[in-house]
Amino acid sequence: MFANERMNLIREMLKRSGAVTTAQISSDLNVSVETVRRDLLTLEREHKLVRVHGGAVSIGGAVMNSPLSDRLELNLDKKKSLSKATCRFINENDVVTIDEGSTGLELAKMLVSCFNNLTVITHSLDIFNVMIQKDGFEVILIGGRFLKGENSFCGYLAENSFKSLHLGKVFITPSALSLKSGLCNTDEQTVPLQRIIASRADSVFILADSDKFEKSALYTTLPLDTSYTYITDSDMSDELIKLYGENGYRIVRE
């Protein structure tokens, strides 16, 4: 098989699943791992893919900033699906911290329907309004400078409030994430809060629908961490889950 033919097949494999492992290419095309690595290097130099440990991923697009109101109905079924999966990691009487945004809001709605007693910490006014509907929930709203586009609080006061708390289980909702760029966000004002929330937690859960994987955004919040649990929806490809797993990251889908 000629090199151009192999590389076209590799691109087709990437188009189908968004990720491919070196071992998979070697097996499917019946070529050596060294040959695969050379092909991947050539394709990366041609800006056709991004090499990562154990394989390659498609070149993802950039996520642009948009107000919360525009994102509430976007991928709604996927957000509900991953919120259902998230409930497996929560127990009655837990202390949970929920990040702002449309994914966090769907998780809040799911918790109200699935649990009776929780302590919930958030800087999102929308999540706060959902949580106070449940009599058995103790709800702590973190205040500060009001971020109108997100209907949440940020800035110095919010950051200091989070620094004074032991947050237990935290659920962070990035705008995008990738093996190369880590966790990304479209709004610089939310970046310090997410960093502080992660640093004050016993357990960190990253909630992102499958469309956010292998995408980037303007601001890098945190590098990916093997101690985090990454929760997504059922549309996440097996190949991408396998590749993340080979890099040490645990992905859970509903």
Protein backbone atom coordinates (compact mmCIF):
# COMPACT_ATOMS: atom_id res chain seq x y z
CA MET A 1 0.00 0.00 0.00
CA PHE A 2 1.39 3.40 -1.00
CA ALA A 3 1.90 6.15 1.59
CA ASN A 4 -0.72 8.46 0.07
CA GLU A 5 -3.28 5.67 0.12
CA ARG A 6 -2.51 4.89 3.78
CA MET A 7 -2.80 8.53 4.79
CA ASN A 8 -6.12 8.91 3.00
CA LEU A 9 -7.43 5.89 4.91
CA ILE A 10 -6.16 7.37 8.19
CA ARG A 11 -8.02 10.61 7.42
CA GLU A 12 -11.19 8.62 6.72
CA MET A 13 -10.83 6.83 10.07
CA LEU A 14 -10.47 10.20 11.81
CA LYS A 15 -13.49 11.62 10.00
CA ARG A 16 -15.66 8.77 11.29
CA SER A 17 -14.71 8.90 14.97
CA GLY A 18 -12.63 11.99 15.66
CA ALA A 19 -9.74 9.93 17.01
CA VAL A 20 -7.60 6.98 16.08
CA THR A 21 -4.96 4.98 17.92
CA THR A 22 -1.59 4.01 16.51
CA ALA A 23 -2.28 0.36 17.32
CA GLN A 24 -5.64 0.47 15.53
CA ILE A 25 -4.11 1.92 12.35
CA SER A 26 -1.28 -0.60 12.45
CA SER A 27 -3.73 -3.48 12.76
CA ASP A 28 -6.30 -2.25 10.21
CA LEU A 29 -3.74 -1.33 7.55
CA ASN A 30 -1.33 -4.18 8.33
CA VAL A 31 1.70 -1.92 8.65
CA SER A 32 4.28 -1.40 11.38
CA VAL A 33 3.84 1.06 14.25
CA GLU A 34 6.91 2.92 12.97
CA THR A 35 5.23 3.39 9.58
CA VAL A 36 2.07 4.67 11.24
CA ARG A 37 4.05 7.17 13.29
CA ARG A 38 5.74 8.50 10.16
CA ASP A 39 2.39 8.86 8.42
CA LEU A 40 0.89 10.68 11.40
CA LEU A 41 3.86 13.04 11.53
CA THR A 42 3.43 13.84 7.84
CA LEU A 43 -0.30 14.46 8.26
CA GLU A 44 0.32 16.70 11.26
CA ARG A 45 2.85 18.74 9.28
CA GLU A 46 0.15 19.14 6.62
CA HIS A 47 -2.28 20.32 9.35
CA LYS A 48 -4.60 17.36 8.77
CA LEU A 49 -4.59 16.10 12.39
CA VAL A 50 -3.02 16.54 15.82
CA ARG A 51 -0.76 13.83 17.17
CA VAL A 52 -1.20 12.81 20.81
CA HIS A 53 0.24 10.04 22.93
CA GLY A 54 -0.96 6.75 21.45
CA GLY A 55 -2.51 8.14 18.26
CA ALA A 56 -4.09 11.23 16.77
CA VAL A 57 -7.22 13.38 16.94
CA SER A 58 -9.00 15.56 14.43
CA ILE A 59 -8.21 19.24 14.35
CA GLY A 60 -11.05 20.71 16.39
CA GLY A 61 -12.59 24.09 15.85
CA ALA A 62 -12.65 26.98 18.27
CA VAL A 63 -15.68 27.58 20.51
CA MET A 64 -16.76 31.22 20.46
CA ASN A 65 -18.21 33.16 23.38
CA SER A 66 -22.00 33.42 23.51
CA PRO A 67 -24.44 34.42 26.28
CA LEU A 68 -26.10 31.78 28.42
CA SER A 69 -29.50 32.48 26.87
CA ASP A 70 -28.18 31.32 23.47
CA ARG A 71 -26.84 28.04 24.91
CA LEU A 72 -29.79 26.84 26.98
CA GLU A 73 -31.34 24.74 24.19
CA LEU A 74 -28.06 23.78 22.52
CA ASN A 75 -27.38 20.01 22.81
CA LEU A 76 -30.04 19.84 25.49
CA ASP A 77 -30.54 16.06 25.22
CA LYS A 78 -26.80 15.51 25.60
CA LYS A 79 -26.68 17.72 28.70
CA LYS A 80 -29.58 15.79 30.22
CA SER A 81 -27.85 12.52 29.39
CA LEU A 82 -24.55 13.45 31.03
CA SER A 83 -26.39 14.93 34.03
CA LYS A 84 -28.09 11.57 34.54
CA ALA A 85 -24.68 9.86 34.44
CA THR A 86 -23.33 12.39 36.95
CA CYS A 87 -25.92 11.39 39.56
CA ARG A 88 -24.08 8.07 39.96
CA PHE A 89 -21.27 9.95 41.69
CA ILE A 90 -23.47 11.81 44.18
CA ASN A 91 -24.92 10.51 47.44
CA GLU A 92 -27.52 11.89 49.81
CA ASN A 93 -26.02 14.49 52.21
CA ASP A 94 -23.07 15.24 49.93
CA VAL A 95 -21.61 18.73 49.64
CA VAL A 96 -21.55 19.60 45.93
CA THR A 97 -20.38 22.68 44.06
CA ILE A 98 -21.89 23.36 40.64
CA ASP A 99 -20.27 25.61 38.07
CA GLU A 100 -22.26 28.17 36.11
CA GLY A 101 -23.61 27.59 32.61
CA SER A 102 -26.24 25.62 30.76
CA THR A 103 -24.74 22.21 31.59
CA GLY A 104 -24.59 23.06 35.29
CA LEU A 105 -28.21 24.18 35.14
CA GLU A 106 -29.31 20.83 33.69
CA LEU A 107 -27.42 19.04 36.45
CA ALA A 108 -29.19 21.19 39.04
CA LYS A 109 -32.58 20.20 37.66
CA MET A 110 -31.57 16.54 37.75
CA LEU A 111 -30.41 16.75 41.37
CA VAL A 112 -33.69 18.29 42.48
CA SER A 113 -35.57 15.33 40.99
CA CYS A 114 -33.17 12.62 42.25
CA PHE A 115 -32.09 13.67 45.78
CA ASN A 116 -33.66 14.81 49.02
CA ASN A 117 -30.77 16.18 51.08
CA LEU A 118 -27.74 17.96 49.67
CA THR A 119 -25.62 20.98 50.44
CA VAL A 120 -25.19 22.88 47.19
CA ILE A 121 -22.71 25.68 46.57
CA THR A 122 -22.89 27.76 43.40
CA HIS A 123 -22.18 31.20 41.96
CA SER A 124 -24.95 30.82 39.38
CA LEU A 125 -28.18 32.66 40.08
CA ASP A 126 -30.14 30.29 37.82
CA ILE A 127 -28.85 27.20 39.63
CA PHE A 128 -29.56 28.86 42.99
CA ASN A 129 -33.18 29.49 41.95
CA VAL A 130 -33.61 25.84 40.95
CA MET A 131 -32.06 24.49 44.14
CA ILE A 132 -34.08 26.55 46.62
CA GLN A 133 -37.22 24.78 45.41
CA LYS A 134 -36.13 21.67 47.35
CA ASP A 135 -36.84 21.86 51.10
CA GLY A 136 -34.13 19.36 52.01
CA PHE A 137 -31.36 21.24 50.22
CA GLU A 138 -29.07 23.67 52.00
CA VAL A 139 -28.05 26.18 49.36
CA ILE A 140 -25.10 28.59 49.47
CA LEU A 141 -24.97 31.32 46.84
CA ILE A 142 -21.54 32.83 46.25
CA GLY A 143 -21.84 36.53 45.47
CA GLY A 144 -19.59 39.09 43.86
CA ARG A 145 -19.54 41.08 40.66
CA PHE A 146 -22.59 40.18 38.56
CA LEU A 147 -21.77 38.72 35.15
CA LYS A 148 -24.92 39.51 33.20
CA GLY A 149 -24.29 37.27 30.19
CA GLU A 150 -23.94 34.23 32.46
CA ASN A 151 -26.40 35.30 35.16
CA SER A 152 -23.71 34.48 37.71
CA PHE A 153 -21.19 36.11 40.03
CA CYS A 154 -17.45 36.44 39.57
CA GLY A 155 -14.50 38.60 40.59
CA TYR A 156 -12.54 39.23 43.79
CA LEU A 157 -15.40 38.70 46.27
CA ALA A 158 -16.52 35.43 44.67
CA GLU A 159 -12.95 34.14 44.46
CA ASN A 160 -12.26 34.88 48.14
CA SER A 161 -15.53 33.25 49.18
CA PHE A 162 -14.62 30.03 47.39
CA LYS A 163 -11.12 30.11 48.91
CA SER A 164 -12.68 30.04 52.39
CA LEU A 165 -14.67 26.84 51.75
CA HIS A 166 -13.99 23.11 51.64
CA LEU A 167 -15.94 22.19 48.53
CA GLY A 168 -16.22 18.40 48.57
CA LYS A 169 -17.35 17.24 45.13
CA VAL A 170 -17.17 19.91 42.43
CA PHE A 171 -18.69 19.84 38.96
CA ILE A 172 -16.92 22.08 36.45
CA THR A 173 -18.34 22.84 33.01
CA PRO A 174 -15.69 24.04 30.54
CA SER A 175 -16.50 25.59 27.16
CA ALA A 176 -14.17 23.10 25.46
CA LEU A 177 -11.42 20.59 26.22
CA SER A 178 -8.72 18.69 24.39
CA LEU A 179 -5.69 16.53 25.01
CA LYS A 180 -3.43 19.31 23.76
CA SER A 181 -5.08 22.41 25.27
CA GLY A 182 -6.69 21.07 28.46
CA LEU A 183 -9.82 22.69 29.87
CA CYS A 184 -10.75 25.90 28.04
CA ASN A 185 -13.21 28.73 28.51
CA THR A 186 -14.54 31.50 26.33
CA ASP A 187 -14.82 34.11 29.11
CA GLU A 188 -11.72 35.19 31.00
CA GLN A 189 -13.76 36.23 34.06
CA THR A 190 -14.78 32.64 34.77
CA VAL A 191 -11.25 31.22 34.55
CA PRO A 192 -10.00 32.18 38.06
CA LEU A 193 -13.14 30.79 39.67
CA GLN A 194 -12.82 27.41 37.97
CA ARG A 195 -9.17 27.18 39.02
CA ILE A 196 -10.02 27.98 42.65
CA ILE A 197 -13.00 25.60 42.70
CA ALA A 198 -10.80 22.75 41.46
CA SER A 199 -8.10 23.53 44.03
CA ARG A 200 -10.56 23.46 46.97
CA ALA A 201 -12.19 20.13 46.06
CA ASP A 202 -11.88 16.58 47.31
CA SER A 203 -13.10 15.29 43.92
CA VAL A 204 -13.30 17.08 40.59
CA PHE A 205 -15.79 16.12 37.89
CA ILE A 206 -15.62 17.67 34.43
CA LEU A 207 -18.99 17.82 32.67
CA ALA A 208 -18.91 18.31 28.90
CA ASP A 209 -21.14 17.11 26.10
CA SER A 210 -19.40 15.16 23.35
CA ASP A 211 -19.34 18.16 20.98
CA LYS A 212 -16.96 20.01 23.34
CA PHE A 213 -14.21 17.37 23.18
CA GLU A 214 -11.16 18.11 21.04
CA LYS A 215 -12.25 21.72 20.68
CA SER A 216 -10.50 24.83 21.95
CA ALA A 217 -11.45 28.23 23.34
CA LEU A 218 -9.54 31.44 23.89
CA TYR A 219 -8.59 30.89 27.55
CA THR A 220 -6.95 27.81 29.03
CA THR A 221 -8.35 27.20 32.50
CA LEU A 222 -6.53 24.08 33.66
CA PRO A 223 -4.53 21.22 32.18
CA LEU A 224 -6.29 17.88 32.03
CA ASP A 225 -5.67 15.90 35.22
CA THR A 226 -5.77 12.12 35.61
CA SER A 227 -7.40 12.54 39.03
CA TYR A 228 -10.47 14.17 37.47
CA THR A 229 -13.51 12.23 36.25
CA TYR A 230 -14.75 13.33 32.82
CA ILE A 231 -18.48 12.83 32.21
CA THR A 232 -20.11 13.08 28.80
CA ASP A 233 -23.05 11.77 26.78
CA SER A 234 -23.57 8.56 24.81
CA ASP A 235 -22.54 10.16 21.49
CA MET A 236 -18.88 10.18 22.50
CA SER A 237 -17.06 7.79 20.17
CA ASP A 238 -15.46 4.59 21.46
CA GLU A 239 -12.23 5.55 19.70
CA LEU A 240 -11.99 8.90 21.48
CA ILE A 241 -12.76 7.32 24.85
CA LYS A 242 -10.07 4.71 24.21
CA LEU A 243 -7.51 7.36 23.26
CA TYR A 244 -8.25 9.43 26.35
CA GLY A 245 -7.98 6.26 28.42
CA GLU A 246 -4.57 5.49 26.95
CA ASN A 247 -3.49 8.95 28.08
CA GLY A 248 -4.70 8.20 31.64
CA TYR A 249 -8.03 10.06 31.63
CA ARG A 250 -11.21 8.39 32.81
CA ILE A 251 -14.27 9.20 30.70
CA VAL A 252 -17.76 8.16 31.80
CA ARG A 253 -20.77 8.33 29.50
CA GLU A 254 -24.44 7.67 30.13
